[in-house]
N, C-alpha and C. Protein backbone atom coordinates (compact mmCIF):
# COMPACT_ATOMS: atom_id res chain seq x y z
N UNK A 1 -26.65 -33.82 -8.49
CA UNK A 1 -26.24 -32.59 -9.14
C UNK A 1 -25.51 -32.96 -10.43
N UNK A 2 -25.83 -32.26 -11.49
CA UNK A 2 -25.16 -32.50 -12.77
C UNK A 2 -23.69 -32.08 -12.68
N UNK A 3 -22.93 -32.40 -13.70
CA UNK A 3 -21.50 -32.10 -13.71
C UNK A 3 -21.28 -30.59 -13.61
N UNK A 4 -20.54 -30.20 -12.60
CA UNK A 4 -20.23 -28.79 -12.38
C UNK A 4 -18.72 -28.63 -12.38
N UNK A 5 -18.24 -27.63 -13.10
CA UNK A 5 -16.80 -27.33 -13.12
C UNK A 5 -16.57 -26.00 -12.43
N UNK A 6 -15.41 -25.88 -11.80
CA UNK A 6 -15.04 -24.68 -11.07
C UNK A 6 -13.80 -24.07 -11.71
N UNK A 7 -13.80 -22.75 -11.85
CA UNK A 7 -12.64 -22.04 -12.40
C UNK A 7 -12.36 -20.83 -11.53
N UNK A 8 -11.10 -20.72 -11.09
CA UNK A 8 -10.67 -19.60 -10.26
C UNK A 8 -9.98 -18.57 -11.13
N UNK A 9 -10.42 -17.33 -11.01
CA UNK A 9 -9.80 -16.21 -11.73
C UNK A 9 -9.11 -15.32 -10.71
N UNK A 10 -7.91 -14.88 -11.05
CA UNK A 10 -7.10 -14.01 -10.19
C UNK A 10 -6.55 -12.88 -11.05
N UNK A 11 -5.84 -11.93 -10.44
CA UNK A 11 -5.22 -10.88 -11.26
C UNK A 11 -4.24 -11.44 -12.30
N UNK A 12 -3.77 -12.67 -12.10
CA UNK A 12 -2.82 -13.28 -13.04
C UNK A 12 -3.51 -14.16 -14.08
N UNK A 13 -4.77 -14.48 -13.86
CA UNK A 13 -5.57 -15.28 -14.79
C UNK A 13 -6.97 -14.67 -14.79
N UNK A 14 -7.11 -13.56 -15.50
CA UNK A 14 -8.30 -12.73 -15.39
C UNK A 14 -9.48 -13.19 -16.24
N UNK A 15 -10.64 -12.75 -15.79
CA UNK A 15 -11.85 -12.88 -16.59
C UNK A 15 -11.71 -11.98 -17.81
N UNK A 16 -12.25 -12.42 -18.95
CA UNK A 16 -12.33 -11.53 -20.10
C UNK A 16 -13.44 -10.51 -19.83
N UNK A 17 -13.51 -9.48 -20.62
CA UNK A 17 -14.56 -8.47 -20.45
C UNK A 17 -15.94 -9.12 -20.57
N UNK A 18 -16.10 -10.03 -21.51
CA UNK A 18 -17.38 -10.72 -21.68
C UNK A 18 -17.70 -11.57 -20.45
N UNK A 19 -16.71 -12.30 -19.94
CA UNK A 19 -16.92 -13.12 -18.74
C UNK A 19 -17.24 -12.25 -17.53
N UNK A 20 -16.55 -11.12 -17.40
CA UNK A 20 -16.80 -10.21 -16.28
C UNK A 20 -18.24 -9.74 -16.31
N UNK A 21 -18.72 -9.33 -17.48
CA UNK A 21 -20.12 -8.90 -17.60
C UNK A 21 -21.08 -10.05 -17.30
N UNK A 22 -20.72 -11.26 -17.73
CA UNK A 22 -21.55 -12.43 -17.48
C UNK A 22 -21.64 -12.73 -15.98
N UNK A 23 -20.50 -12.68 -15.29
CA UNK A 23 -20.49 -12.93 -13.85
C UNK A 23 -21.25 -11.84 -13.11
N UNK A 24 -21.04 -10.58 -13.49
CA UNK A 24 -21.76 -9.47 -12.86
C UNK A 24 -23.27 -9.64 -13.04
N UNK A 25 -23.69 -9.98 -14.24
CA UNK A 25 -25.11 -10.19 -14.50
C UNK A 25 -25.67 -11.35 -13.70
N UNK A 26 -24.90 -12.44 -13.59
CA UNK A 26 -25.33 -13.59 -12.80
C UNK A 26 -25.50 -13.19 -11.33
N UNK A 27 -24.50 -12.53 -10.77
CA UNK A 27 -24.59 -12.13 -9.36
C UNK A 27 -25.77 -11.19 -9.14
N UNK A 28 -25.93 -10.23 -10.03
CA UNK A 28 -27.04 -9.27 -9.89
C UNK A 28 -28.38 -10.00 -9.91
N UNK A 29 -28.52 -11.00 -10.77
CA UNK A 29 -29.78 -11.73 -10.89
C UNK A 29 -30.03 -12.69 -9.73
N UNK A 30 -28.96 -13.25 -9.14
CA UNK A 30 -29.15 -14.35 -8.18
C UNK A 30 -28.81 -14.00 -6.73
N UNK A 31 -28.40 -12.77 -6.46
CA UNK A 31 -28.20 -12.37 -5.07
C UNK A 31 -29.52 -12.03 -4.39
N UNK A 32 -30.56 -11.90 -5.18
CA UNK A 32 -31.90 -11.61 -4.68
C UNK A 32 -31.89 -10.35 -3.82
N UNK A 33 -32.58 -10.38 -2.68
CA UNK A 33 -32.69 -9.18 -1.85
C UNK A 33 -31.38 -8.84 -1.14
N UNK A 34 -30.39 -9.70 -1.23
CA UNK A 34 -29.11 -9.46 -0.56
C UNK A 34 -28.09 -8.81 -1.49
N UNK A 35 -28.49 -8.45 -2.68
CA UNK A 35 -27.56 -7.93 -3.68
C UNK A 35 -27.39 -6.43 -3.67
N UNK A 36 -26.57 -5.99 -4.59
CA UNK A 36 -26.26 -4.58 -4.77
C UNK A 36 -26.54 -4.19 -6.22
N UNK A 37 -26.38 -2.91 -6.49
CA UNK A 37 -26.50 -2.42 -7.86
C UNK A 37 -25.42 -3.07 -8.72
N UNK A 38 -25.72 -3.29 -9.97
CA UNK A 38 -24.77 -3.97 -10.86
C UNK A 38 -23.45 -3.22 -10.96
N UNK A 39 -23.47 -1.89 -10.89
CA UNK A 39 -22.22 -1.13 -10.94
C UNK A 39 -21.34 -1.41 -9.73
N UNK A 40 -21.95 -1.62 -8.56
CA UNK A 40 -21.18 -1.96 -7.37
C UNK A 40 -20.60 -3.37 -7.50
N UNK A 41 -21.36 -4.28 -8.07
CA UNK A 41 -20.85 -5.64 -8.30
C UNK A 41 -19.66 -5.59 -9.24
N UNK A 42 -19.76 -4.78 -10.30
CA UNK A 42 -18.65 -4.65 -11.25
C UNK A 42 -17.42 -4.03 -10.59
N UNK A 43 -17.62 -3.11 -9.64
CA UNK A 43 -16.49 -2.53 -8.90
C UNK A 43 -15.76 -3.61 -8.10
N UNK A 44 -16.52 -4.48 -7.44
CA UNK A 44 -15.90 -5.56 -6.65
C UNK A 44 -15.15 -6.52 -7.55
N UNK A 45 -15.70 -6.81 -8.72
CA UNK A 45 -15.01 -7.69 -9.68
C UNK A 45 -13.74 -7.03 -10.20
N UNK A 46 -13.81 -5.74 -10.51
CA UNK A 46 -12.62 -5.01 -10.99
C UNK A 46 -11.55 -4.99 -9.91
N UNK A 47 -11.96 -4.81 -8.65
CA UNK A 47 -11.01 -4.82 -7.53
C UNK A 47 -10.32 -6.18 -7.45
N UNK A 48 -11.11 -7.26 -7.52
CA UNK A 48 -10.55 -8.61 -7.43
C UNK A 48 -9.58 -8.89 -8.56
N UNK A 49 -9.84 -8.34 -9.72
CA UNK A 49 -9.00 -8.57 -10.90
C UNK A 49 -7.87 -7.56 -11.02
N UNK A 50 -7.81 -6.61 -10.08
CA UNK A 50 -6.82 -5.51 -10.09
C UNK A 50 -6.96 -4.63 -11.33
N UNK A 51 -8.19 -4.53 -11.85
CA UNK A 51 -8.46 -3.59 -12.94
C UNK A 51 -8.57 -2.17 -12.39
N UNK A 52 -8.75 -2.07 -11.10
CA UNK A 52 -8.77 -0.79 -10.39
C UNK A 52 -7.63 -0.85 -9.38
N UNK A 53 -7.23 0.31 -8.87
CA UNK A 53 -6.19 0.31 -7.84
C UNK A 53 -6.69 -0.51 -6.65
N UNK A 54 -5.99 -1.60 -6.35
CA UNK A 54 -6.47 -2.49 -5.30
C UNK A 54 -5.39 -3.47 -4.89
N UNK A 55 -5.74 -4.28 -3.90
CA UNK A 55 -4.87 -5.38 -3.47
C UNK A 55 -5.22 -6.67 -4.19
N UNK A 56 -6.23 -6.63 -5.04
CA UNK A 56 -6.61 -7.82 -5.80
C UNK A 56 -7.58 -8.70 -5.06
N UNK A 57 -7.65 -9.94 -5.48
CA UNK A 57 -8.56 -10.90 -4.91
C UNK A 57 -8.75 -12.06 -5.86
N UNK A 58 -9.92 -12.65 -5.83
CA UNK A 58 -10.20 -13.76 -6.73
C UNK A 58 -11.69 -13.88 -6.98
N UNK A 59 -12.00 -14.55 -8.08
CA UNK A 59 -13.38 -14.82 -8.47
C UNK A 59 -13.46 -16.31 -8.80
N UNK A 60 -14.35 -17.01 -8.14
CA UNK A 60 -14.57 -18.43 -8.40
C UNK A 60 -15.91 -18.58 -9.11
N UNK A 61 -15.89 -19.25 -10.26
CA UNK A 61 -17.10 -19.41 -11.06
C UNK A 61 -17.38 -20.90 -11.23
N UNK A 62 -18.62 -21.29 -10.98
CA UNK A 62 -19.08 -22.67 -11.20
C UNK A 62 -19.99 -22.67 -12.42
N UNK A 63 -19.73 -23.61 -13.33
CA UNK A 63 -20.54 -23.73 -14.55
C UNK A 63 -21.08 -25.15 -14.66
N UNK A 64 -22.27 -25.26 -15.26
CA UNK A 64 -22.84 -26.59 -15.50
C UNK A 64 -22.31 -27.17 -16.81
N UNK A 65 -22.81 -28.34 -17.18
CA UNK A 65 -22.32 -29.00 -18.39
C UNK A 65 -22.61 -28.21 -19.66
N UNK A 66 -23.54 -27.26 -19.60
CA UNK A 66 -23.85 -26.40 -20.75
C UNK A 66 -23.08 -25.08 -20.71
N UNK A 67 -22.11 -24.98 -19.80
CA UNK A 67 -21.26 -23.79 -19.64
C UNK A 67 -22.02 -22.58 -19.09
N UNK A 68 -23.19 -22.80 -18.52
CA UNK A 68 -23.95 -21.72 -17.89
C UNK A 68 -23.46 -21.56 -16.46
N UNK A 69 -23.33 -20.33 -16.00
CA UNK A 69 -22.92 -20.08 -14.62
C UNK A 69 -24.03 -20.54 -13.68
N UNK A 70 -23.65 -21.32 -12.68
CA UNK A 70 -24.60 -21.78 -11.66
C UNK A 70 -24.20 -21.31 -10.27
N UNK A 71 -23.00 -20.71 -10.15
CA UNK A 71 -22.55 -20.19 -8.87
C UNK A 71 -21.33 -19.31 -9.05
N UNK A 72 -21.15 -18.36 -8.15
CA UNK A 72 -19.98 -17.48 -8.22
C UNK A 72 -19.67 -16.91 -6.85
N UNK A 73 -18.37 -16.69 -6.61
CA UNK A 73 -17.89 -16.08 -5.36
C UNK A 73 -16.88 -15.00 -5.73
N UNK A 74 -16.95 -13.86 -5.03
CA UNK A 74 -15.98 -12.78 -5.22
C UNK A 74 -15.30 -12.50 -3.88
N UNK A 75 -13.97 -12.58 -3.88
CA UNK A 75 -13.14 -12.27 -2.70
C UNK A 75 -12.29 -11.05 -3.03
N UNK A 76 -12.26 -10.07 -2.13
CA UNK A 76 -11.35 -8.93 -2.26
C UNK A 76 -10.33 -8.99 -1.14
N UNK A 77 -9.06 -8.78 -1.48
CA UNK A 77 -8.01 -8.70 -0.46
C UNK A 77 -8.09 -7.31 0.19
N UNK A 78 -7.95 -7.27 1.51
CA UNK A 78 -8.08 -6.00 2.23
C UNK A 78 -6.76 -5.25 2.35
N UNK A 79 -5.65 -5.96 2.21
CA UNK A 79 -4.36 -5.32 2.43
C UNK A 79 -4.00 -5.19 3.90
N UNK A 80 -4.77 -5.84 4.76
CA UNK A 80 -4.54 -5.78 6.21
C UNK A 80 -4.43 -7.19 6.75
N UNK A 81 -4.04 -7.32 8.01
CA UNK A 81 -4.05 -8.62 8.66
C UNK A 81 -4.07 -8.43 10.16
N UNK A 82 -4.52 -9.44 10.86
CA UNK A 82 -4.58 -9.37 12.32
C UNK A 82 -5.84 -8.66 12.78
N UNK A 83 -5.77 -7.35 12.84
CA UNK A 83 -6.91 -6.58 13.35
C UNK A 83 -8.08 -6.56 12.37
N UNK A 84 -7.82 -6.75 11.10
CA UNK A 84 -8.83 -6.89 10.05
C UNK A 84 -8.41 -8.10 9.22
N UNK A 85 -9.33 -9.01 8.90
CA UNK A 85 -8.93 -10.17 8.08
C UNK A 85 -8.33 -9.75 6.74
N UNK A 86 -7.49 -10.61 6.21
CA UNK A 86 -6.79 -10.33 4.95
C UNK A 86 -7.74 -10.29 3.75
N UNK A 87 -8.89 -10.91 3.88
CA UNK A 87 -9.83 -11.03 2.77
C UNK A 87 -11.25 -10.77 3.23
N UNK A 88 -12.05 -10.27 2.29
CA UNK A 88 -13.48 -10.15 2.54
C UNK A 88 -14.22 -10.83 1.40
N UNK A 89 -15.12 -11.73 1.78
CA UNK A 89 -15.98 -12.37 0.80
C UNK A 89 -17.09 -11.36 0.50
N UNK A 90 -17.03 -10.79 -0.69
CA UNK A 90 -17.96 -9.72 -1.05
C UNK A 90 -19.29 -10.29 -1.55
N UNK A 91 -19.22 -11.28 -2.42
CA UNK A 91 -20.43 -11.86 -2.99
C UNK A 91 -20.31 -13.37 -3.13
N UNK A 92 -21.40 -14.06 -2.87
CA UNK A 92 -21.56 -15.47 -3.24
C UNK A 92 -23.01 -15.64 -3.65
N UNK A 93 -23.22 -16.31 -4.77
CA UNK A 93 -24.58 -16.58 -5.23
C UNK A 93 -24.62 -17.93 -5.91
N UNK A 94 -25.74 -18.60 -5.75
CA UNK A 94 -26.01 -19.88 -6.40
C UNK A 94 -27.31 -19.71 -7.18
N UNK A 95 -27.34 -20.25 -8.40
CA UNK A 95 -28.55 -20.19 -9.22
C UNK A 95 -29.70 -20.80 -8.43
N UNK A 96 -30.86 -20.16 -8.51
CA UNK A 96 -32.00 -20.61 -7.70
C UNK A 96 -32.36 -22.08 -7.93
N UNK A 97 -32.16 -22.59 -9.13
CA UNK A 97 -32.47 -24.00 -9.42
C UNK A 97 -31.45 -24.96 -8.81
N UNK A 98 -30.31 -24.45 -8.37
CA UNK A 98 -29.24 -25.28 -7.79
C UNK A 98 -29.17 -25.18 -6.27
N UNK A 99 -30.00 -24.34 -5.68
CA UNK A 99 -29.95 -24.15 -4.23
C UNK A 99 -30.43 -25.41 -3.51
N UNK A 100 -29.82 -25.66 -2.36
CA UNK A 100 -30.19 -26.83 -1.56
C UNK A 100 -29.56 -28.12 -2.04
N UNK A 101 -28.63 -28.04 -2.98
CA UNK A 101 -28.00 -29.24 -3.54
C UNK A 101 -26.51 -29.33 -3.20
N UNK A 102 -26.05 -28.48 -2.30
CA UNK A 102 -24.66 -28.54 -1.87
C UNK A 102 -23.68 -27.69 -2.66
N UNK A 103 -24.16 -26.97 -3.67
CA UNK A 103 -23.24 -26.17 -4.47
C UNK A 103 -22.67 -24.99 -3.68
N UNK A 104 -23.49 -24.34 -2.87
CA UNK A 104 -22.99 -23.24 -2.05
C UNK A 104 -21.88 -23.70 -1.12
N UNK A 105 -22.06 -24.88 -0.52
CA UNK A 105 -21.04 -25.44 0.37
C UNK A 105 -19.76 -25.73 -0.41
N UNK A 106 -19.88 -26.32 -1.60
CA UNK A 106 -18.70 -26.61 -2.42
C UNK A 106 -17.97 -25.33 -2.82
N UNK A 107 -18.72 -24.30 -3.20
CA UNK A 107 -18.10 -23.02 -3.54
C UNK A 107 -17.32 -22.46 -2.34
N UNK A 108 -17.95 -22.50 -1.18
CA UNK A 108 -17.30 -21.97 0.03
C UNK A 108 -16.06 -22.78 0.38
N UNK A 109 -16.16 -24.10 0.35
CA UNK A 109 -15.01 -24.94 0.67
C UNK A 109 -13.85 -24.68 -0.29
N UNK A 110 -14.16 -24.54 -1.56
CA UNK A 110 -13.12 -24.30 -2.57
C UNK A 110 -12.46 -22.94 -2.35
N UNK A 111 -13.25 -21.90 -2.14
CA UNK A 111 -12.67 -20.56 -1.99
C UNK A 111 -11.87 -20.46 -0.69
N UNK A 112 -12.32 -21.12 0.37
CA UNK A 112 -11.57 -21.13 1.63
C UNK A 112 -10.22 -21.81 1.41
N UNK A 113 -10.22 -22.92 0.69
CA UNK A 113 -8.99 -23.68 0.45
C UNK A 113 -7.96 -22.87 -0.34
N UNK A 114 -8.39 -22.13 -1.34
CA UNK A 114 -7.44 -21.45 -2.23
C UNK A 114 -7.11 -20.02 -1.79
N UNK A 115 -7.76 -19.53 -0.74
CA UNK A 115 -7.53 -18.16 -0.28
C UNK A 115 -6.53 -18.16 0.87
N UNK A 116 -5.45 -17.38 0.72
CA UNK A 116 -4.47 -17.23 1.79
C UNK A 116 -4.99 -16.22 2.81
N UNK A 117 -4.91 -16.56 4.08
CA UNK A 117 -5.30 -15.63 5.14
C UNK A 117 -6.74 -15.82 5.56
N UNK A 118 -7.11 -15.04 6.58
CA UNK A 118 -8.46 -15.10 7.14
C UNK A 118 -9.45 -14.44 6.19
N UNK A 119 -10.72 -14.79 6.38
CA UNK A 119 -11.79 -14.29 5.52
C UNK A 119 -12.92 -13.75 6.40
N UNK A 120 -13.36 -12.55 6.08
CA UNK A 120 -14.55 -11.97 6.71
C UNK A 120 -15.66 -11.96 5.68
N UNK A 121 -16.89 -11.93 6.16
CA UNK A 121 -18.03 -11.73 5.26
C UNK A 121 -19.13 -11.04 6.04
N UNK A 122 -20.02 -10.41 5.30
CA UNK A 122 -21.20 -9.80 5.90
C UNK A 122 -22.40 -10.62 5.46
N UNK A 123 -23.28 -10.90 6.39
CA UNK A 123 -24.49 -11.67 6.08
C UNK A 123 -25.65 -11.07 6.87
N UNK A 124 -26.78 -10.95 6.20
CA UNK A 124 -27.98 -10.45 6.87
C UNK A 124 -28.46 -11.51 7.86
N UNK A 125 -29.02 -11.08 9.00
CA UNK A 125 -29.46 -12.05 10.00
C UNK A 125 -30.49 -13.06 9.48
N UNK A 126 -31.30 -12.67 8.50
CA UNK A 126 -32.35 -13.56 7.99
C UNK A 126 -31.92 -14.36 6.76
N UNK A 127 -30.66 -14.25 6.36
CA UNK A 127 -30.17 -14.96 5.18
C UNK A 127 -29.96 -16.44 5.54
N UNK A 128 -30.62 -17.36 4.84
CA UNK A 128 -30.46 -18.79 5.15
C UNK A 128 -29.01 -19.27 5.04
N UNK A 129 -28.19 -18.60 4.25
CA UNK A 129 -26.78 -19.00 4.08
C UNK A 129 -25.99 -18.81 5.38
N UNK A 130 -26.51 -18.03 6.30
CA UNK A 130 -25.83 -17.79 7.58
C UNK A 130 -25.49 -19.12 8.27
N UNK A 131 -26.38 -20.09 8.20
CA UNK A 131 -26.16 -21.38 8.86
C UNK A 131 -25.01 -22.15 8.20
N UNK A 132 -24.90 -22.06 6.89
CA UNK A 132 -23.78 -22.68 6.18
C UNK A 132 -22.47 -22.05 6.63
N UNK A 133 -22.43 -20.73 6.69
CA UNK A 133 -21.20 -20.05 7.10
C UNK A 133 -20.78 -20.47 8.50
N UNK A 134 -21.75 -20.60 9.40
CA UNK A 134 -21.44 -21.03 10.76
C UNK A 134 -20.91 -22.46 10.78
N UNK A 135 -21.50 -23.35 9.98
CA UNK A 135 -21.02 -24.74 9.90
C UNK A 135 -19.59 -24.80 9.38
N UNK A 136 -19.22 -23.85 8.53
CA UNK A 136 -17.87 -23.82 7.97
C UNK A 136 -16.86 -23.13 8.89
N UNK A 137 -17.32 -22.65 10.05
CA UNK A 137 -16.41 -22.07 11.03
C UNK A 137 -16.44 -20.56 11.16
N UNK A 138 -17.26 -19.88 10.39
CA UNK A 138 -17.37 -18.43 10.53
C UNK A 138 -18.10 -18.11 11.83
N UNK A 139 -17.63 -17.07 12.50
CA UNK A 139 -18.23 -16.65 13.76
C UNK A 139 -18.68 -15.21 13.66
N UNK A 140 -19.71 -14.89 14.43
CA UNK A 140 -20.20 -13.52 14.49
C UNK A 140 -19.47 -12.81 15.62
N UNK A 141 -18.35 -12.16 15.27
CA UNK A 141 -17.51 -11.54 16.28
C UNK A 141 -17.98 -10.13 16.64
N UNK A 142 -18.53 -9.43 15.67
CA UNK A 142 -18.91 -8.03 15.88
C UNK A 142 -20.27 -7.74 15.27
N UNK A 143 -20.90 -6.71 15.77
CA UNK A 143 -22.05 -6.11 15.11
C UNK A 143 -21.48 -4.98 14.27
N UNK A 144 -21.70 -5.04 12.98
CA UNK A 144 -21.16 -3.99 12.11
C UNK A 144 -22.10 -2.81 12.08
N UNK A 145 -21.53 -1.63 12.18
CA UNK A 145 -22.30 -0.39 12.06
C UNK A 145 -21.62 0.46 10.99
N UNK A 146 -22.43 1.17 10.22
CA UNK A 146 -21.89 2.01 9.15
C UNK A 146 -22.46 3.41 9.25
N UNK A 147 -21.65 4.37 8.92
CA UNK A 147 -22.09 5.76 8.83
C UNK A 147 -22.02 6.17 7.37
N UNK A 148 -23.14 6.54 6.80
CA UNK A 148 -23.16 7.08 5.44
C UNK A 148 -23.18 8.59 5.60
N UNK A 149 -22.06 9.22 5.36
CA UNK A 149 -21.92 10.65 5.62
C UNK A 149 -22.97 11.49 4.91
N UNK A 150 -23.36 11.11 3.72
CA UNK A 150 -24.34 11.90 2.99
C UNK A 150 -25.74 11.78 3.58
N UNK A 151 -25.97 10.79 4.45
CA UNK A 151 -27.31 10.58 5.00
C UNK A 151 -27.36 10.71 6.52
N UNK A 152 -26.26 11.09 7.15
CA UNK A 152 -26.24 11.12 8.61
C UNK A 152 -26.98 12.34 9.13
N UNK A 153 -27.59 12.18 10.29
CA UNK A 153 -28.35 13.27 10.91
C UNK A 153 -27.43 14.16 11.72
N UNK A 154 -27.20 15.35 11.24
CA UNK A 154 -26.41 16.32 11.98
C UNK A 154 -24.93 16.02 12.03
N UNK A 155 -24.46 15.02 11.36
CA UNK A 155 -23.04 14.67 11.41
C UNK A 155 -22.37 14.93 10.07
N UNK A 156 -22.80 15.97 9.40
CA UNK A 156 -22.23 16.30 8.10
C UNK A 156 -20.92 17.05 8.31
N UNK A 157 -19.90 16.32 8.65
CA UNK A 157 -18.59 16.90 8.88
C UNK A 157 -17.84 17.03 7.58
N UNK A 158 -17.22 18.15 7.41
CA UNK A 158 -16.29 18.33 6.30
C UNK A 158 -14.91 18.42 6.90
N UNK A 159 -13.90 18.44 6.08
CA UNK A 159 -12.54 18.56 6.62
C UNK A 159 -12.38 19.87 7.38
N UNK A 160 -12.97 20.94 6.88
CA UNK A 160 -12.83 22.21 7.58
C UNK A 160 -13.56 22.17 8.92
N UNK A 161 -14.71 21.48 8.99
CA UNK A 161 -15.42 21.33 10.26
C UNK A 161 -14.58 20.50 11.23
N UNK A 162 -14.00 19.43 10.75
CA UNK A 162 -13.18 18.57 11.61
C UNK A 162 -11.97 19.32 12.13
N UNK A 163 -11.38 20.19 11.33
CA UNK A 163 -10.22 20.96 11.77
C UNK A 163 -10.58 21.95 12.87
N UNK A 164 -11.85 22.36 12.95
CA UNK A 164 -12.28 23.32 13.96
C UNK A 164 -12.53 22.65 15.31
N UNK A 165 -12.61 21.33 15.32
CA UNK A 165 -12.91 20.62 16.58
C UNK A 165 -11.78 20.63 17.54
């Protein structure tokens, strides 16, 4: 692997607007089928940088010798502990040309080392990175289920409906 440098950004050492757009674009391009809309990625970055009302977090960026981003991780602090981990790993991506060379493992080891508290993450069952997360000690404790109120069948509760129950 060529020379790779790592830089951690926090609410106290923030990404510039240009860097934020660069990281968002990188994540959007390299998360593949596991990604989100670029606006959602930017929301997670803003949360980590405390540009929005939040508990903050961190962004770890890996660059090659040409200063091109080859990997990135976004952690958001949850503001909770014990019953919910203190942090959630929202995004991690490695440039497709760098996959299988240990960069994902180095990113994970670095972010685990510099993050205070426990870390949760969501991973699709068919995502090859799942095996790396397990090797690093992550466990599948729960099956996550989500309710999207705008799309639920017959469960369109409003506050007035809930008050009638």
